[in-house]
């Protein structure tokens, strides 16, 4: 059964490998990343291959709550349902301990972003989203 899956942090690492498996499994994968060039490369790689799944890409900096809301709105405007949300986005290393919205990088933006994406479902989204956390958050000095 084909699922519509939003995968945050899909441009490299665990997110990219997860996307490969999901697309190969025939699912519709909504790829998220904050780097437009990386997203284009990833989407092109899936489009060029003979994969049974479909992909779309969405650019957003999840440390900015306005962009989180814009991402959620864009997905909901285009899709009647979202079956699975995979919260994979995280930060490995950053020179700034505080986001542009004034949230702590380690424990401020990510929980708020995850909560928002998991719970913000207007009435027109008919299915229950099943959130999956695959988040690894580290900050090195």
C-alpha atoms as a PDB file:
ATOM      1  CA  UNK A   1       0.000   0.000   0.000  1.00  0.00           C
ATOM      2  CA  UNK A   2       1.503   3.288  -1.126  1.00  0.00           C
ATOM      3  CA  UNK A   3       2.010   5.850   1.653  1.00  0.00           C
ATOM      4  CA  UNK A   4       2.599   9.589   1.489  1.00  0.00           C
ATOM      5  CA  UNK A   5       5.599  10.265   3.719  1.00  0.00           C
ATOM      6  CA  UNK A   6       7.195  13.569   4.718  1.00  0.00           C
ATOM      7  CA  UNK A   7      10.874  13.023   5.506  1.00  0.00           C
ATOM      8  CA  UNK A   8      12.742  15.938   7.080  1.00  0.00           C
ATOM      9  CA  UNK A   9      16.506  16.125   6.652  1.00  0.00           C
ATOM     10  CA  UNK A  10      16.410  14.019   3.490  1.00  0.00           C
ATOM     11  CA  UNK A  11      19.477  15.325   1.650  1.00  0.00           C
ATOM     12  CA  UNK A  12      22.211  13.212   3.236  1.00  0.00           C
ATOM     13  CA  UNK A  13      23.076  10.646   5.868  1.00  0.00           C
ATOM     14  CA  UNK A  14      20.284   8.630   7.457  1.00  0.00           C
ATOM     15  CA  UNK A  15      17.640  10.772   5.765  1.00  0.00           C
ATOM     16  CA  UNK A  16      18.974  10.109   2.277  1.00  0.00           C
ATOM     17  CA  UNK A  17      19.297   6.367   2.918  1.00  0.00           C
ATOM     18  CA  UNK A  18      15.760   6.300   4.319  1.00  0.00           C
ATOM     19  CA  UNK A  19      14.480   8.141   1.250  1.00  0.00           C
ATOM     20  CA  UNK A  20      16.162   5.607  -1.044  1.00  0.00           C
ATOM     21  CA  UNK A  21      14.443   2.707   0.706  1.00  0.00           C
ATOM     22  CA  UNK A  22      11.043   4.400   0.759  1.00  0.00           C
ATOM     23  CA  UNK A  23      11.120   5.395  -2.908  1.00  0.00           C
ATOM     24  CA  UNK A  24      12.306   1.917  -3.881  1.00  0.00           C
ATOM     25  CA  UNK A  25       9.350   0.577  -1.897  1.00  0.00           C
ATOM     26  CA  UNK A  26       6.934   2.527  -4.085  1.00  0.00           C
ATOM     27  CA  UNK A  27       5.968   5.274  -1.659  1.00  0.00           C
ATOM     28  CA  UNK A  28       5.382   8.932  -2.374  1.00  0.00           C
ATOM     29  CA  UNK A  29       8.195  10.654  -0.483  1.00  0.00           C
ATOM     30  CA  UNK A  30       8.100  14.352   0.286  1.00  0.00           C
ATOM     31  CA  UNK A  31      11.752  15.268   0.680  1.00  0.00           C
ATOM     32  CA  UNK A  32      12.665  18.154   2.965  1.00  0.00           C
ATOM     33  CA  UNK A  33      15.978  19.970   3.100  1.00  0.00           C
ATOM     34  CA  UNK A  34      17.264  23.461   3.734  1.00  0.00           C
ATOM     35  CA  UNK A  35      19.739  23.465   0.851  1.00  0.00           C
ATOM     36  CA  UNK A  36      17.928  23.860  -2.499  1.00  0.00           C
ATOM     37  CA  UNK A  37      20.894  22.579  -4.539  1.00  0.00           C
ATOM     38  CA  UNK A  38      21.127  19.363  -2.508  1.00  0.00           C
ATOM     39  CA  UNK A  39      17.380  18.820  -2.833  1.00  0.00           C
ATOM     40  CA  UNK A  40      17.544  19.223  -6.604  1.00  0.00           C
ATOM     41  CA  UNK A  41      20.379  16.675  -6.773  1.00  0.00           C
ATOM     42  CA  UNK A  42      18.513  14.163  -4.601  1.00  0.00           C
ATOM     43  CA  UNK A  43      15.244  14.575  -6.457  1.00  0.00           C
ATOM     44  CA  UNK A  44      17.040  14.262  -9.809  1.00  0.00           C
ATOM     45  CA  UNK A  45      18.736  11.057  -8.687  1.00  0.00           C
ATOM     46  CA  UNK A  46      15.378   9.491  -7.849  1.00  0.00           C
ATOM     47  CA  UNK A  47      13.716  10.761 -11.003  1.00  0.00           C
ATOM     48  CA  UNK A  48      16.517   9.425 -13.195  1.00  0.00           C
ATOM     49  CA  UNK A  49      16.378   5.954 -11.690  1.00  0.00           C
ATOM     50  CA  UNK A  50      13.729   3.369 -12.411  1.00  0.00           C
ATOM     51  CA  UNK A  51      11.989   3.697  -9.044  1.00  0.00           C
ATOM     52  CA  UNK A  52       8.392   2.719  -8.385  1.00  0.00           C
ATOM     53  CA  UNK A  53       7.927   5.622  -5.930  1.00  0.00           C
ATOM     54  CA  UNK A  54       7.469   9.335  -6.500  1.00  0.00           C
ATOM     55  CA  UNK A  55       9.299  12.243  -4.923  1.00  0.00           C
ATOM     56  CA  UNK A  56       8.670  15.938  -4.341  1.00  0.00           C
ATOM     57  CA  UNK A  57      10.983  18.349  -2.607  1.00  0.00           C
ATOM     58  CA  UNK A  58      10.349  21.137  -0.107  1.00  0.00           C
ATOM     59  CA  UNK A  59      12.901  23.709   1.041  1.00  0.00           C
ATOM     60  CA  UNK A  60      12.685  25.044   4.592  1.00  0.00           C
ATOM     61  CA  UNK A  61      15.022  26.016   7.407  1.00  0.00           C
ATOM     62  CA  UNK A  62      13.381  24.229  10.327  1.00  0.00           C
ATOM     63  CA  UNK A  63      15.129  26.494  12.833  1.00  0.00           C
ATOM     64  CA  UNK A  64      12.777  29.281  11.611  1.00  0.00           C
ATOM     65  CA  UNK A  65       9.217  28.694  12.800  1.00  0.00           C
ATOM     66  CA  UNK A  66       7.773  30.758   9.930  1.00  0.00           C
ATOM     67  CA  UNK A  67       9.431  28.356   7.493  1.00  0.00           C
ATOM     68  CA  UNK A  68       8.129  25.362   9.453  1.00  0.00           C
ATOM     69  CA  UNK A  69       4.608  26.767   9.092  1.00  0.00           C
ATOM     70  CA  UNK A  70       5.192  27.428   5.386  1.00  0.00           C
ATOM     71  CA  UNK A  71       6.393  23.845   4.901  1.00  0.00           C
ATOM     72  CA  UNK A  72       3.330  22.428   6.658  1.00  0.00           C
ATOM     73  CA  UNK A  73       1.040  24.687   4.629  1.00  0.00           C
ATOM     74  CA  UNK A  74       2.685  23.730   1.323  1.00  0.00           C
ATOM     75  CA  UNK A  75       2.361  20.014   2.069  1.00  0.00           C
ATOM     76  CA  UNK A  76      -1.253  20.270   3.212  1.00  0.00           C
ATOM     77  CA  UNK A  77      -2.265  22.415   0.243  1.00  0.00           C
ATOM     78  CA  UNK A  78      -0.940  19.816  -2.177  1.00  0.00           C
ATOM     79  CA  UNK A  79      -1.903  16.579  -0.406  1.00  0.00           C
ATOM     80  CA  UNK A  80      -5.204  15.336   0.990  1.00  0.00           C
ATOM     81  CA  UNK A  81      -3.405  13.156   3.481  1.00  0.00           C
ATOM     82  CA  UNK A  82      -0.051  12.575   5.055  1.00  0.00           C
ATOM     83  CA  UNK A  83       0.404   9.022   6.303  1.00  0.00           C
ATOM     84  CA  UNK A  84       3.806   9.260   7.964  1.00  0.00           C
ATOM     85  CA  UNK A  85       6.029  12.072   9.208  1.00  0.00           C
ATOM     86  CA  UNK A  86       9.665  11.092   9.750  1.00  0.00           C
ATOM     87  CA  UNK A  87      11.341  13.698  11.955  1.00  0.00           C
ATOM     88  CA  UNK A  88      14.918  13.159  10.850  1.00  0.00           C
ATOM     89  CA  UNK A  89      16.229  16.735  10.693  1.00  0.00           C
ATOM     90  CA  UNK A  90      18.865  17.653  13.221  1.00  0.00           C
ATOM     91  CA  UNK A  91      21.993  19.642  13.750  1.00  0.00           C
ATOM     92  CA  UNK A  92      25.428  18.124  13.796  1.00  0.00           C
ATOM     93  CA  UNK A  93      27.532  21.221  14.188  1.00  0.00           C
ATOM     94  CA  UNK A  94      26.802  24.929  14.348  1.00  0.00           C
ATOM     95  CA  UNK A  95      28.797  28.020  15.286  1.00  0.00           C
ATOM     96  CA  UNK A  96      25.685  29.731  16.686  1.00  0.00           C
ATOM     97  CA  UNK A  97      24.079  28.430  19.913  1.00  0.00           C
ATOM     98  CA  UNK A  98      20.835  30.365  19.270  1.00  0.00           C
ATOM     99  CA  UNK A  99      18.600  30.365  16.174  1.00  0.00           C
ATOM    100  CA  UNK A 100      17.466  33.521  14.383  1.00  0.00           C
ATOM    101  CA  UNK A 101      14.136  33.118  16.218  1.00  0.00           C
ATOM    102  CA  UNK A 102      15.949  33.208  19.564  1.00  0.00           C
ATOM    103  CA  UNK A 103      15.623  29.504  20.335  1.00  0.00           C
ATOM    104  CA  UNK A 104      18.408  27.394  21.781  1.00  0.00           C
ATOM    105  CA  UNK A 105      19.919  25.182  19.098  1.00  0.00           C
ATOM    106  CA  UNK A 106      20.140  22.096  21.296  1.00  0.00           C
ATOM    107  CA  UNK A 107      16.790  22.058  23.015  1.00  0.00           C
ATOM    108  CA  UNK A 108      14.705  24.903  21.650  1.00  0.00           C
ATOM    109  CA  UNK A 109      13.960  24.792  17.932  1.00  0.00           C
ATOM    110  CA  UNK A 110      13.855  21.066  17.221  1.00  0.00           C
ATOM    111  CA  UNK A 111      11.197  20.073  19.787  1.00  0.00           C
ATOM    112  CA  UNK A 112       9.013  23.025  18.742  1.00  0.00           C
ATOM    113  CA  UNK A 113       9.424  22.166  15.077  1.00  0.00           C
ATOM    114  CA  UNK A 114       8.601  18.492  15.664  1.00  0.00           C
ATOM    115  CA  UNK A 115       5.566  19.354  17.791  1.00  0.00           C
ATOM    116  CA  UNK A 116       4.288  21.765  15.168  1.00  0.00           C
ATOM    117  CA  UNK A 117       4.703  19.382  12.234  1.00  0.00           C
ATOM    118  CA  UNK A 118       3.200  16.495  14.208  1.00  0.00           C
ATOM    119  CA  UNK A 119       0.139  18.298  15.548  1.00  0.00           C
ATOM    120  CA  UNK A 120      -0.697  20.985  12.962  1.00  0.00           C
ATOM    121  CA  UNK A 121      -3.279  19.266  10.807  1.00  0.00           C
ATOM    122  CA  UNK A 122      -6.199  21.345   9.523  1.00  0.00           C
ATOM    123  CA  UNK A 123      -9.529  19.596   9.071  1.00  0.00           C
ATOM    124  CA  UNK A 124      -8.916  18.823   5.396  1.00  0.00           C
ATOM    125  CA  UNK A 125      -6.172  16.362   6.286  1.00  0.00           C
ATOM    126  CA  UNK A 126      -8.271  13.260   6.709  1.00  0.00           C
ATOM    127  CA  UNK A 127      -5.772  10.707   7.919  1.00  0.00           C
ATOM    128  CA  UNK A 128      -3.891  10.426  11.149  1.00  0.00           C
ATOM    129  CA  UNK A 129      -0.227  11.212  10.781  1.00  0.00           C
ATOM    130  CA  UNK A 130       2.039   8.651  12.385  1.00  0.00           C
ATOM    131  CA  UNK A 131       5.158  10.516  13.521  1.00  0.00           C
ATOM    132  CA  UNK A 132       8.462   8.682  13.627  1.00  0.00           C
ATOM    133  CA  UNK A 133      11.474  10.236  15.322  1.00  0.00           C
ATOM    134  CA  UNK A 134      14.887   9.503  13.888  1.00  0.00           C
ATOM    135  CA  UNK A 135      16.634  12.524  15.300  1.00  0.00           C
ATOM    136  CA  UNK A 136      20.262  12.709  16.294  1.00  0.00           C
ATOM    137  CA  UNK A 137      21.235  16.050  17.754  1.00  0.00           C
ATOM    138  CA  UNK A 138      24.815  16.925  18.582  1.00  0.00           C
ATOM    139  CA  UNK A 139      26.743  20.132  18.860  1.00  0.00           C
ATOM    140  CA  UNK A 140      30.500  20.168  18.963  1.00  0.00           C
ATOM    141  CA  UNK A 141      32.468  23.159  20.200  1.00  0.00           C
END
